[in-house]
Amino acid sequence: MELGLKDKVVVITGPAKGMGRAVSLGFAMAGARLVLTGRDLAAIEPVSAEIKALGVKAIVVACDITKEIECARLATAAIETFGTIDVLVNVAGGSGPIGKTGIETTQAEFDEIVQLNMTGCFNTMRAVLPNMIAKRAGKIVNVGGTFGMRGRAGRMAYSASKWGLRGITKSFALEVGQHNINVNCVAPGMVDGPRFRDKVCADMARKLGISLEEAMRRHAADYALKRVSTDADIANACLFLASDVSRQITGVDLPVDGGWAML
């Protein structure tokens, strides 16, 4: 199936590793032109090199998405280089405190994750939307999380931030739909990788006195498909929602979790 992403200009936040790397390479293989952005340029350069080796045009722009002025500069850099912005994919985000109850969570911890996971996406969306509105076309994909759909004990701050991102996504979808702009949210469940293994599973293993492998099996057992997601699963969902084939879909939360949040 042709996704219609060839030569589209795609801004991707948090492209350095994990889901972000998979998303970036997925768009590159679809023929898009990429604007990769984050705070640590050195961490992004290996991904940029992989993309350029595929013959795809890409630039790397420094940006702290929690800073409004830096997001404005990001949009300016993208437009100055490629002339337009067709797609924004907000992958950048954090996990917040793991294993802490709401009472144990400090205000500083709460504020930090909300600032990154909610305000960061709000800033980037506001930065790119004027260009999309002017040309009456655009796609925005925010990467949320299933804990923002059902909540999770011990992950209150993270759940709050991702629940808030859903509201931002839906409100923007209603506001900019008249301009032919789609705004959607991909909600990963547990995604296999260092954060899942070294933080989430390690926390369960420590609390229950079980092995890391048993903790991973217990997480997988929660899902209908009995497996956790991969970075590629998330990338494929982002590609779909950024493509022409999803033209009539907006304001949705798409769980990519093997069957947990909606079952």
Protein backbone atom coordinates (compact mmCIF):
# COMPACT_ATOMS: atom_id res chain seq x y z
CA MET A 1 0.00 0.00 0.00
CA GLU A 2 1.35 3.42 -0.97
CA LEU A 3 1.38 5.72 2.06
CA GLY A 4 2.02 8.92 0.10
CA LEU A 5 4.91 10.00 2.32
CA LYS A 6 7.58 10.40 -0.35
CA ASP A 7 9.16 13.87 -0.18
CA LYS A 8 6.94 14.92 2.73
CA VAL A 9 8.72 17.09 5.30
CA VAL A 10 8.49 15.39 8.68
CA VAL A 11 9.59 16.91 11.99
CA ILE A 12 10.37 14.24 14.58
CA THR A 13 11.12 14.98 18.23
CA GLY A 14 13.13 12.52 20.31
CA PRO A 15 14.67 10.62 17.38
CA ALA A 16 17.87 9.42 19.04
CA LYS A 17 16.91 5.96 20.27
CA GLY A 18 14.17 3.38 20.78
CA MET A 19 10.82 4.37 19.33
CA GLY A 20 12.21 7.65 18.04
CA ARG A 21 14.92 5.94 16.02
CA ALA A 22 12.44 3.41 14.63
CA VAL A 23 9.99 6.16 13.68
CA SER A 24 12.74 8.18 12.00
CA LEU A 25 14.03 5.23 9.98
CA GLY A 26 10.47 4.27 9.05
CA PHE A 27 9.78 7.68 7.55
CA ALA A 28 13.16 7.67 5.85
CA MET A 29 12.40 4.34 4.18
CA ALA A 30 9.09 5.80 3.05
CA GLY A 31 11.02 8.55 1.26
CA ALA A 32 10.23 11.50 3.54
CA ARG A 33 12.57 14.41 4.18
CA LEU A 34 13.34 14.68 7.87
CA VAL A 35 13.93 17.29 10.53
CA LEU A 36 15.32 15.52 13.59
CA THR A 37 15.31 17.45 16.83
CA GLY A 38 16.30 17.09 20.45
CA ARG A 39 18.52 18.55 23.13
CA ASP A 40 21.47 16.17 22.62
CA LEU A 41 22.68 16.57 19.04
CA ALA A 42 25.51 14.06 19.50
CA ALA A 43 22.94 11.37 20.33
CA ILE A 44 20.94 12.15 17.18
CA GLU A 45 23.88 12.14 14.75
CA PRO A 46 24.14 8.31 14.43
CA VAL A 47 20.47 8.14 13.42
CA SER A 48 20.97 11.03 11.02
CA ALA A 49 23.90 9.18 9.46
CA GLU A 50 21.77 6.04 9.00
CA ILE A 51 19.09 8.09 7.31
CA LYS A 52 21.50 9.88 4.99
CA ALA A 53 23.02 6.52 4.04
CA LEU A 54 19.58 5.66 2.63
CA GLY A 55 19.85 8.66 0.32
CA VAL A 56 17.30 10.66 2.32
CA LYS A 57 17.64 14.36 3.10
CA ALA A 58 17.72 15.13 6.82
CA ILE A 59 18.76 17.98 9.07
CA VAL A 60 19.39 17.96 12.81
CA VAL A 61 18.14 20.92 14.84
CA ALA A 62 18.79 21.54 18.52
CA CYS A 63 15.60 22.12 20.49
CA ASP A 64 14.38 21.82 24.05
CA ILE A 65 10.68 21.29 23.41
CA THR A 66 9.75 22.63 26.83
CA LYS A 67 10.93 26.06 25.62
CA GLU A 68 8.45 27.91 23.40
CA ILE A 69 11.07 30.06 21.68
CA GLU A 70 13.20 27.04 20.75
CA CYS A 71 10.19 25.32 19.17
CA ALA A 72 9.53 28.44 17.11
CA ARG A 73 13.14 28.34 15.93
CA LEU A 74 12.73 24.66 15.06
CA ALA A 75 9.77 25.40 12.80
CA THR A 76 11.65 28.27 11.18
CA ALA A 77 14.65 26.03 10.47
CA ALA A 78 12.45 23.37 8.90
CA ILE A 79 10.69 25.87 6.65
CA GLU A 80 13.90 27.64 5.67
CA THR A 81 15.48 24.31 4.69
CA PHE A 82 12.59 22.50 3.03
CA GLY A 83 9.99 25.22 2.39
CA THR A 84 7.20 23.66 4.42
CA ILE A 85 6.22 21.25 7.20
CA ASP A 86 3.88 18.39 6.33
CA VAL A 87 4.04 16.15 9.39
CA LEU A 88 4.94 16.51 13.07
CA VAL A 89 5.60 13.40 15.14
CA ASN A 90 6.04 14.06 18.86
CA VAL A 91 7.99 11.09 20.21
CA ALA A 92 10.05 12.93 22.84
CA GLY A 93 8.90 12.27 26.38
CA GLY A 94 9.84 10.79 29.72
CA SER A 95 8.66 8.15 32.15
CA GLY A 96 8.56 10.13 35.38
CA PRO A 97 8.92 8.40 38.76
CA ILE A 98 8.37 4.64 38.61
CA GLY A 99 6.93 2.72 41.56
CA LYS A 100 6.00 5.84 43.55
CA THR A 101 2.46 6.41 44.75
CA GLY A 102 0.82 9.76 44.23
CA ILE A 103 1.50 10.65 47.86
CA GLU A 104 5.19 9.77 47.49
CA THR A 105 5.57 11.75 44.25
CA THR A 106 7.04 15.20 44.82
CA GLN A 107 5.71 18.33 43.18
CA ALA A 108 9.05 18.74 41.37
CA GLU A 109 8.76 15.22 39.90
CA PHE A 110 5.16 15.84 38.87
CA ASP A 111 5.92 19.22 37.30
CA GLU A 112 8.92 17.89 35.39
CA ILE A 113 7.07 15.08 33.60
CA VAL A 114 4.01 17.20 32.87
CA GLN A 115 6.25 19.90 31.42
CA LEU A 116 7.97 17.42 29.12
CA ASN A 117 5.08 15.18 28.08
CA MET A 118 2.35 17.81 27.83
CA THR A 119 3.87 21.27 27.45
CA GLY A 120 6.53 19.98 25.05
CA CYS A 121 3.93 18.66 22.60
CA PHE A 122 1.81 21.78 23.04
CA ASN A 123 4.82 23.95 22.12
CA THR A 124 5.77 22.00 19.01
CA MET A 125 2.19 21.85 17.77
CA ARG A 126 1.74 25.60 18.15
CA ALA A 127 5.02 26.12 16.30
CA VAL A 128 4.17 24.06 13.20
CA LEU A 129 0.42 24.69 12.88
CA PRO A 130 0.56 28.17 11.29
CA ASN A 131 2.40 26.70 8.30
CA MET A 132 -0.05 23.80 8.04
CA ILE A 133 -3.08 26.07 8.36
CA ALA A 134 -1.75 28.43 5.68
CA LYS A 135 -1.50 25.60 3.13
CA ARG A 136 -4.57 23.73 4.42
CA ALA A 137 -2.78 20.42 4.93
CA GLY A 138 -0.93 18.65 7.69
CA LYS A 139 -0.65 15.65 9.98
CA ILE A 140 0.27 15.61 13.65
CA VAL A 141 0.95 12.40 15.56
CA ASN A 142 1.54 12.55 19.31
CA VAL A 143 2.99 9.52 21.09
CA GLY A 144 1.03 9.07 24.30
CA GLY A 145 0.68 5.93 26.39
CA THR A 146 -1.92 3.44 27.54
CA PHE A 147 -1.40 4.50 31.17
CA GLY A 148 -3.01 7.74 30.01
CA MET A 149 -6.10 5.74 29.05
CA ARG A 150 -6.58 3.52 32.10
CA GLY A 151 -4.26 4.95 34.72
CA ARG A 152 -1.67 2.95 36.64
CA ALA A 153 -0.81 2.63 40.30
CA GLY A 154 2.76 3.70 40.92
CA ARG A 155 2.82 5.78 37.72
CA MET A 156 0.48 8.64 38.68
CA ALA A 157 2.61 11.48 37.32
CA TYR A 158 3.24 9.74 34.00
CA SER A 159 -0.43 8.76 33.67
CA ALA A 160 -1.51 12.33 34.35
CA SER A 161 0.84 13.71 31.71
CA LYS A 162 -0.29 11.27 29.04
CA TRP A 163 -3.96 11.69 29.94
CA GLY A 164 -3.47 15.43 29.52
CA LEU A 165 -1.82 14.87 26.14
CA ARG A 166 -4.98 13.08 25.00
CA GLY A 167 -6.99 16.19 25.81
CA ILE A 168 -4.55 18.41 23.96
CA THR A 169 -4.71 16.09 20.95
CA LYS A 170 -8.51 15.95 20.82
CA SER A 171 -8.97 19.68 21.33
CA PHE A 172 -6.49 20.58 18.60
CA ALA A 173 -8.12 18.01 16.28
CA LEU A 174 -11.47 19.78 16.70
CA GLU A 175 -9.93 23.21 16.18
CA VAL A 176 -7.80 22.54 13.09
CA GLY A 177 -9.90 19.92 11.31
CA GLN A 178 -11.53 22.72 9.31
CA HIS A 179 -8.08 23.39 7.83
CA ASN A 180 -7.66 19.80 6.60
CA ILE A 181 -5.26 18.89 9.40
CA ASN A 182 -5.39 15.55 11.21
CA VAL A 183 -4.26 15.31 14.83
CA ASN A 184 -4.03 11.87 16.43
CA CYS A 185 -2.37 10.03 19.29
CA VAL A 186 -0.56 6.68 19.27
CA ALA A 187 -0.69 5.05 22.70
CA PRO A 188 2.04 2.44 23.18
CA GLY A 189 1.71 -0.14 25.89
CA MET A 190 4.90 -1.60 27.29
CA VAL A 191 7.57 -1.39 24.59
CA ASP A 192 10.52 -3.75 24.80
CA GLY A 193 13.77 -1.91 25.30
CA PRO A 194 16.10 -0.53 27.97
CA ARG A 195 13.44 1.57 29.74
CA PHE A 196 11.03 -1.38 29.94
CA ARG A 197 13.66 -3.91 31.04
CA ASP A 198 15.89 -1.78 33.24
CA LYS A 199 13.24 0.38 34.93
CA VAL A 200 9.73 -1.07 34.73
CA CYS A 201 10.59 -4.76 34.93
CA ALA A 202 13.42 -4.13 37.38
CA ASP A 203 11.01 -2.30 39.68
CA MET A 204 8.52 -5.21 39.60
CA ALA A 205 11.28 -7.79 40.12
CA ARG A 206 12.61 -5.91 43.13
CA LYS A 207 9.21 -5.46 44.77
CA LEU A 208 8.02 -9.04 44.21
CA GLY A 209 11.36 -10.79 44.70
CA ILE A 210 11.27 -12.38 41.24
CA SER A 211 13.71 -12.51 38.36
CA LEU A 212 13.80 -9.93 35.60
CA GLU A 213 12.69 -12.59 33.12
CA GLU A 214 9.67 -13.49 35.26
CA ALA A 215 8.74 -9.81 35.52
CA MET A 216 8.82 -9.54 31.74
CA ARG A 217 6.61 -12.62 31.41
CA ARG A 218 4.10 -11.19 33.89
CA HIS A 219 3.83 -7.97 31.92
CA ALA A 220 3.29 -9.89 28.68
CA ALA A 221 0.61 -12.02 30.34
CA ASP A 222 -1.53 -8.90 30.87
CA TYR A 223 -2.05 -8.51 27.12
CA ALA A 224 -4.47 -10.40 24.89
CA LEU A 225 -1.69 -11.22 22.44
CA LYS A 226 0.66 -12.25 25.30
CA ARG A 227 3.53 -10.13 24.05
CA VAL A 228 4.85 -6.62 24.56
CA SER A 229 5.15 -4.19 21.68
CA THR A 230 8.33 -3.39 19.75
CA ASP A 231 9.69 -0.10 18.51
CA ALA A 232 8.69 -1.14 14.98
CA ASP A 233 5.06 -1.61 16.06
CA ILE A 234 4.94 2.00 17.25
CA ALA A 235 6.69 3.28 14.14
CA ASN A 236 4.19 1.53 11.87
CA ALA A 237 1.27 3.14 13.70
CA CYS A 238 2.87 6.58 13.37
CA LEU A 239 3.45 6.04 9.65
CA PHE A 240 -0.18 5.04 9.18
CA LEU A 241 -1.57 8.09 10.98
CA ALA A 242 0.79 10.40 9.09
CA SER A 243 -0.11 8.93 5.71
CA ASP A 244 -2.73 9.58 3.05
CA VAL A 245 -4.53 6.33 3.89
CA SER A 246 -5.65 7.74 7.24
CA ARG A 247 -7.15 10.91 5.73
CA GLN A 248 -10.51 10.46 7.50
CA ILE A 249 -9.12 9.69 10.96
CA THR A 250 -8.58 12.45 13.50
CA GLY A 251 -8.76 12.92 17.26
CA VAL A 252 -8.28 9.22 17.99
CA ASP A 253 -6.18 7.38 20.56
CA LEU A 254 -4.70 4.31 18.87
CA PRO A 255 -3.50 1.79 21.46
CA VAL A 256 -0.56 -0.28 20.23
CA ASP A 257 -0.39 -2.59 23.21
CA GLY A 258 -1.25 -6.16 22.20
CA GLY A 259 -4.73 -5.77 23.69
CA TRP A 260 -4.77 -4.17 27.13
CA ALA A 261 -6.18 -0.66 27.27
CA MET A 262 -9.35 -1.31 25.30
CA LEU A 263 -10.11 -4.88 26.39
